[in-house]
Amino acid sequence: MSDKANPPKKSGGERKDRLAEALRANLQKRKAQARSRRAGDADKRPEGLSSAGKMQKK
């Protein structure tokens, strides 16, 4: 059997640190989005839905 099948369990402290870091990164991303909206800068998202052009009219 390989070691990848049963990875060693991590302590609760490591998980909390990882989740806290992910939460901080998410908060920074949301703040940057809010600032760009206030400044009037364009979004970096593509326009429209990707499947919208494939719909058929009746």
PDB file of N, CA and C in Angstrom:
ATOM      1  N   MET A   1       0.835  -1.191   0.000  1.00  0.00           N
ATOM      2  CA  MET A   1       0.000   0.000   0.000  1.00  0.00           C
ATOM      3  C   MET A   1       0.874   1.246   0.000  1.00  0.00           C
ATOM      4  N   SER A   2       0.404   2.274  -0.617  1.00  0.00           N
ATOM      5  CA  SER A   2       1.182   3.507  -0.677  1.00  0.00           C
ATOM      6  C   SER A   2       0.809   4.430   0.476  1.00  0.00           C
ATOM      7  N   ASP A   3       1.688   5.346   0.772  1.00  0.00           N
ATOM      8  CA  ASP A   3       1.442   6.313   1.845  1.00  0.00           C
ATOM      9  C   ASP A   3       0.353   7.307   1.467  1.00  0.00           C
ATOM     10  N   LYS A   4       0.092   7.455   0.164  1.00  0.00           N
ATOM     11  CA  LYS A   4      -0.903   8.420  -0.280  1.00  0.00           C
ATOM     12  C   LYS A   4      -2.325   7.966   0.047  1.00  0.00           C
ATOM     13  N   ALA A   5      -2.533   6.660   0.230  1.00  0.00           N
ATOM     14  CA  ALA A   5      -3.869   6.148   0.510  1.00  0.00           C
ATOM     15  C   ALA A   5      -4.337   6.579   1.893  1.00  0.00           C
ATOM     16  N   ASN A   6      -3.456   6.594   2.875  1.00  0.00           N
ATOM     17  CA  ASN A   6      -3.804   6.970   4.243  1.00  0.00           C
ATOM     18  C   ASN A   6      -2.855   8.039   4.746  1.00  0.00           C
ATOM     19  N   PRO A   7      -3.099   9.312   4.384  1.00  0.00           N
ATOM     20  CA  PRO A   7      -2.197  10.367   4.834  1.00  0.00           C
ATOM     21  C   PRO A   7      -2.296  10.539   6.346  1.00  0.00           C
ATOM     22  N   PRO A   8      -1.231  10.935   6.992  1.00  0.00           N
ATOM     23  CA  PRO A   8      -1.286  11.156   8.433  1.00  0.00           C
ATOM     24  C   PRO A   8      -2.224  12.303   8.763  1.00  0.00           C
ATOM     25  N   LYS A   9      -2.932  12.162   9.875  1.00  0.00           N
ATOM     26  CA  LYS A   9      -3.882  13.209  10.264  1.00  0.00           C
ATOM     27  C   LYS A   9      -3.127  14.420  10.784  1.00  0.00           C
ATOM     28  N   LYS A  10      -3.618  15.584  10.431  1.00  0.00           N
ATOM     29  CA  LYS A  10      -2.997  16.833  10.870  1.00  0.00           C
ATOM     30  C   LYS A  10      -3.629  17.276  12.175  1.00  0.00           C
ATOM     31  N   SER A  11      -2.886  17.996  12.932  1.00  0.00           N
ATOM     32  CA  SER A  11      -3.425  18.491  14.197  1.00  0.00           C
ATOM     33  C   SER A  11      -4.444  19.594  13.926  1.00  0.00           C
ATOM     34  N   GLY A  12      -5.293  19.835  14.890  1.00  0.00           N
ATOM     35  CA  GLY A  12      -6.329  20.855  14.743  1.00  0.00           C
ATOM     36  C   GLY A  12      -5.765  22.247  14.565  1.00  0.00           C
ATOM     37  N   GLY A  13      -4.583  22.511  15.137  1.00  0.00           N
ATOM     38  CA  GLY A  13      -3.969  23.826  15.031  1.00  0.00           C
ATOM     39  C   GLY A  13      -3.561  24.161  13.612  1.00  0.00           C
ATOM     40  N   GLU A  14      -3.037  23.174  12.877  1.00  0.00           N
ATOM     41  CA  GLU A  14      -2.636  23.412  11.484  1.00  0.00           C
ATOM     42  C   GLU A  14      -3.854  23.724  10.628  1.00  0.00           C
ATOM     43  N   ARG A  15      -4.933  23.014  10.857  1.00  0.00           N
ATOM     44  CA  ARG A  15      -6.159  23.236  10.087  1.00  0.00           C
ATOM     45  C   ARG A  15      -6.699  24.633  10.361  1.00  0.00           C
ATOM     46  N   LYS A  16      -6.713  25.029  11.625  1.00  0.00           N
ATOM     47  CA  LYS A  16      -7.200  26.369  11.974  1.00  0.00           C
ATOM     48  C   LYS A  16      -6.341  27.448  11.331  1.00  0.00           C
ATOM     49  N   ASP A  17      -5.020  27.240  11.314  1.00  0.00           N
ATOM     50  CA  ASP A  17      -4.125  28.214  10.680  1.00  0.00           C
ATOM     51  C   ASP A  17      -4.412  28.319   9.190  1.00  0.00           C
ATOM     52  N   ARG A  18      -4.616  27.162   8.537  1.00  0.00           N
ATOM     53  CA  ARG A  18      -4.883  27.151   7.102  1.00  0.00           C
ATOM     54  C   ARG A  18      -6.212  27.826   6.799  1.00  0.00           C
ATOM     55  N   LEU A  19      -7.239  27.545   7.599  1.00  0.00           N
ATOM     56  CA  LEU A  19      -8.542  28.170   7.382  1.00  0.00           C
ATOM     57  C   LEU A  19      -8.495  29.673   7.648  1.00  0.00           C
ATOM     58  N   ALA A  20      -7.737  30.082   8.656  1.00  0.00           N
ATOM     59  CA  ALA A  20      -7.615  31.509   8.951  1.00  0.00           C
ATOM     60  C   ALA A  20      -6.927  32.234   7.801  1.00  0.00           C
ATOM     61  N   GLU A  21      -5.905  31.606   7.228  1.00  0.00           N
ATOM     62  CA  GLU A  21      -5.206  32.211   6.087  1.00  0.00           C
ATOM     63  C   GLU A  21      -6.138  32.329   4.886  1.00  0.00           C
ATOM     64  N   ALA A  22      -6.928  31.292   4.627  1.00  0.00           N
ATOM     65  CA  ALA A  22      -7.878  31.331   3.512  1.00  0.00           C
ATOM     66  C   ALA A  22      -8.935  32.418   3.737  1.00  0.00           C
ATOM     67  N   LEU A  23      -9.367  32.574   4.981  1.00  0.00           N
ATOM     68  CA  LEU A  23     -10.346  33.612   5.291  1.00  0.00           C
ATOM     69  C   LEU A  23      -9.772  35.003   5.061  1.00  0.00           C
ATOM     70  N   ARG A  24      -8.526  35.220   5.469  1.00  0.00           N
ATOM     71  CA  ARG A  24      -7.875  36.519   5.240  1.00  0.00           C
ATOM     72  C   ARG A  24      -7.731  36.805   3.750  1.00  0.00           C
ATOM     73  N   ALA A  25      -7.333  35.793   2.979  1.00  0.00           N
ATOM     74  CA  ALA A  25      -7.174  35.979   1.532  1.00  0.00           C
ATOM     75  C   ALA A  25      -8.516  36.328   0.885  1.00  0.00           C
ATOM     76  N   ASN A  26      -9.577  35.645   1.317  1.00  0.00           N
ATOM     77  CA  ASN A  26     -10.903  35.913   0.770  1.00  0.00           C
ATOM     78  C   ASN A  26     -11.357  37.326   1.118  1.00  0.00           C
ATOM     79  N   LEU A  27     -11.102  37.745   2.349  1.00  0.00           N
ATOM     80  CA  LEU A  27     -11.481  39.093   2.766  1.00  0.00           C
ATOM     81  C   LEU A  27     -10.739  40.153   1.953  1.00  0.00           C
ATOM     82  N   GLN A  28      -9.447  39.950   1.732  1.00  0.00           N
ATOM     83  CA  GLN A  28      -8.672  40.909   0.934  1.00  0.00           C
ATOM     84  C   GLN A  28      -9.199  40.982  -0.492  1.00  0.00           C
ATOM     85  N   LYS A  29      -9.577  39.823  -1.059  1.00  0.00           N
ATOM     86  CA  LYS A  29     -10.115  39.800  -2.418  1.00  0.00           C
ATOM     87  C   LYS A  29     -11.429  40.569  -2.486  1.00  0.00           C
ATOM     88  N   ARG A  30     -12.297  40.365  -1.501  1.00  0.00           N
ATOM     89  CA  ARG A  30     -13.580  41.073  -1.493  1.00  0.00           C
ATOM     90  C   ARG A  30     -13.401  42.573  -1.305  1.00  0.00           C
ATOM     91  N   LYS A  31     -12.451  42.962  -0.483  1.00  0.00           N
ATOM     92  CA  LYS A  31     -12.185  44.392  -0.293  1.00  0.00           C
ATOM     93  C   LYS A  31     -11.683  45.018  -1.586  1.00  0.00           C
ATOM     94  N   ALA A  32     -10.813  44.307  -2.296  1.00  0.00           N
ATOM     95  CA  ALA A  32     -10.304  44.819  -3.572  1.00  0.00           C
ATOM     96  C   ALA A  32     -11.434  44.960  -4.580  1.00  0.00           C
ATOM     97  N   GLN A  33     -12.367  43.998  -4.593  1.00  0.00           N
ATOM     98  CA  GLN A  33     -13.510  44.091  -5.503  1.00  0.00           C
ATOM     99  C   GLN A  33     -14.371  45.303  -5.159  1.00  0.00           C
ATOM    100  N   ALA A  34     -14.611  45.526  -3.892  1.00  0.00           N
ATOM    101  CA  ALA A  34     -15.430  46.665  -3.470  1.00  0.00           C
ATOM    102  C   ALA A  34     -14.753  47.979  -3.834  1.00  0.00           C
ATOM    103  N   ARG A  35     -13.434  48.062  -3.655  1.00  0.00           N
ATOM    104  CA  ARG A  35     -12.703  49.286  -4.014  1.00  0.00           C
ATOM    105  C   ARG A  35     -12.780  49.556  -5.512  1.00  0.00           C
ATOM    106  N   SER A  36     -12.659  48.508  -6.328  1.00  0.00           N
ATOM    107  CA  SER A  36     -12.702  48.715  -7.770  1.00  0.00           C
ATOM    108  C   SER A  36     -14.088  49.149  -8.216  1.00  0.00           C
ATOM    109  N   ARG A  37     -15.118  48.663  -7.558  1.00  0.00           N
ATOM    110  CA  ARG A  37     -16.473  49.096  -7.907  1.00  0.00           C
ATOM    111  C   ARG A  37     -16.686  50.558  -7.556  1.00  0.00           C
ATOM    112  N   ARG A  38     -16.153  50.969  -6.402  1.00  0.00           N
ATOM    113  CA  ARG A  38     -16.280  52.379  -6.000  1.00  0.00           C
ATOM    114  C   ARG A  38     -15.508  53.276  -6.945  1.00  0.00           C
ATOM    115  N   ALA A  39     -14.357  52.812  -7.413  1.00  0.00           N
ATOM    116  CA  ALA A  39     -13.522  53.620  -8.296  1.00  0.00           C
ATOM    117  C   ALA A  39     -14.057  53.634  -9.722  1.00  0.00           C
ATOM    118  N   GLY A  40     -14.975  52.726 -10.023  1.00  0.00           N
ATOM    119  CA  GLY A  40     -15.557  52.687 -11.360  1.00  0.00           C
ATOM    120  C   GLY A  40     -14.733  51.918 -12.366  1.00  0.00           C
ATOM    121  N   ASP A  41     -13.738  51.165 -11.898  1.00  0.00           N
ATOM    122  CA  ASP A  41     -12.949  50.355 -12.820  1.00  0.00           C
ATOM    123  C   ASP A  41     -13.780  49.184 -13.336  1.00  0.00           C
ATOM    124  N   ALA A  42     -13.467  48.735 -14.523  1.00  0.00           N
ATOM    125  CA  ALA A  42     -14.201  47.632 -15.124  1.00  0.00           C
ATOM    126  C   ALA A  42     -13.855  46.318 -14.439  1.00  0.00           C
ATOM    127  N   ASP A  43     -14.842  45.410 -14.413  1.00  0.00           N
ATOM    128  CA  ASP A  43     -14.600  44.068 -13.906  1.00  0.00           C
ATOM    129  C   ASP A  43     -13.688  43.322 -14.853  1.00  0.00           C
ATOM    130  N   LYS A  44     -13.043  42.311 -14.352  1.00  0.00           N
ATOM    131  CA  LYS A  44     -12.176  41.490 -15.181  1.00  0.00           C
ATOM    132  C   LYS A  44     -12.907  40.244 -15.674  1.00  0.00           C
ATOM    133  N   ARG A  45     -14.224  40.176 -15.414  1.00  0.00           N
ATOM    134  CA  ARG A  45     -15.009  39.024 -15.833  1.00  0.00           C
ATOM    135  C   ARG A  45     -15.423  39.182 -17.287  1.00  0.00           C
ATOM    136  N   PRO A  46     -15.576  38.066 -18.001  1.00  0.00           N
ATOM    137  CA  PRO A  46     -16.083  38.148 -19.374  1.00  0.00           C
ATOM    138  C   PRO A  46     -17.546  38.577 -19.375  1.00  0.00           C
ATOM    139  N   GLU A  47     -17.965  39.216 -20.423  1.00  0.00           N
ATOM    140  CA  GLU A  47     -19.326  39.719 -20.513  1.00  0.00           C
ATOM    141  C   GLU A  47     -20.306  38.592 -20.822  1.00  0.00           C
ATOM    142  N   GLY A  48     -21.435  38.593 -20.151  1.00  0.00           N
ATOM    143  CA  GLY A  48     -22.508  37.653 -20.444  1.00  0.00           C
ATOM    144  C   GLY A  48     -22.215  36.239 -19.997  1.00  0.00           C
ATOM    145  N   LEU A  49     -23.179  35.382 -20.241  1.00  0.00           N
ATOM    146  CA  LEU A  49     -23.036  33.974 -19.922  1.00  0.00           C
ATOM    147  C   LEU A  49     -22.482  33.236 -21.129  1.00  0.00           C
ATOM    148  N   SER A  50     -21.670  32.252 -20.878  1.00  0.00           N
ATOM    149  CA  SER A  50     -21.063  31.527 -21.984  1.00  0.00           C
ATOM    150  C   SER A  50     -22.096  30.738 -22.775  1.00  0.00           C
ATOM    151  N   SER A  51     -23.162  30.294 -22.144  1.00  0.00           N
ATOM    152  CA  SER A  51     -24.166  29.504 -22.851  1.00  0.00           C
ATOM    153  C   SER A  51     -25.283  30.361 -23.446  1.00  0.00           C
ATOM    154  N   ALA A  52     -25.283  31.659 -23.219  1.00  0.00           N
ATOM    155  CA  ALA A  52     -26.363  32.526 -23.683  1.00  0.00           C
ATOM    156  C   ALA A  52     -26.438  32.571 -25.199  1.00  0.00           C
ATOM    157  N   GLY A  53     -25.317  32.495 -25.873  1.00  0.00           N
ATOM    158  CA  GLY A  53     -25.313  32.547 -27.330  1.00  0.00           C
ATOM    159  C   GLY A  53     -25.806  31.270 -27.977  1.00  0.00           C
ATOM    160  N   LYS A  54     -25.895  30.199 -27.220  1.00  0.00           N
ATOM    161  CA  LYS A  54     -26.283  28.912 -27.766  1.00  0.00           C
ATOM    162  C   LYS A  54     -27.782  28.642 -27.648  1.00  0.00           C
ATOM    163  N   MET A  55     -28.511  29.557 -27.005  1.00  0.00           N
ATOM    164  CA  MET A  55     -29.946  29.346 -26.830  1.00  0.00           C
ATOM    165  C   MET A  55     -30.682  29.579 -28.147  1.00  0.00           C
ATOM    166  N   GLN A  56     -31.718  28.779 -28.360  1.00  0.00           N
ATOM    167  CA  GLN A  56     -32.505  28.912 -29.580  1.00  0.00           C
ATOM    168  C   GLN A  56     -33.788  29.632 -29.260  1.00  0.00           C
ATOM    169  N   LYS A  57     -34.207  30.520 -30.158  1.00  0.00           N
ATOM    170  CA  LYS A  57     -35.485  31.224 -30.002  1.00  0.00           C
ATOM    171  C   LYS A  57     -36.585  30.405 -30.632  1.00  0.00           C
ATOM    172  N   LYS A  58     -37.769  30.442 -30.031  1.00  0.00           N
ATOM    173  CA  LYS A  58     -38.934  29.699 -30.580  1.00  0.00           C
ATOM    174  C   LYS A  58     -39.757  30.563 -31.462  1.00  0.00           C
TER     175      LYS A  58
END
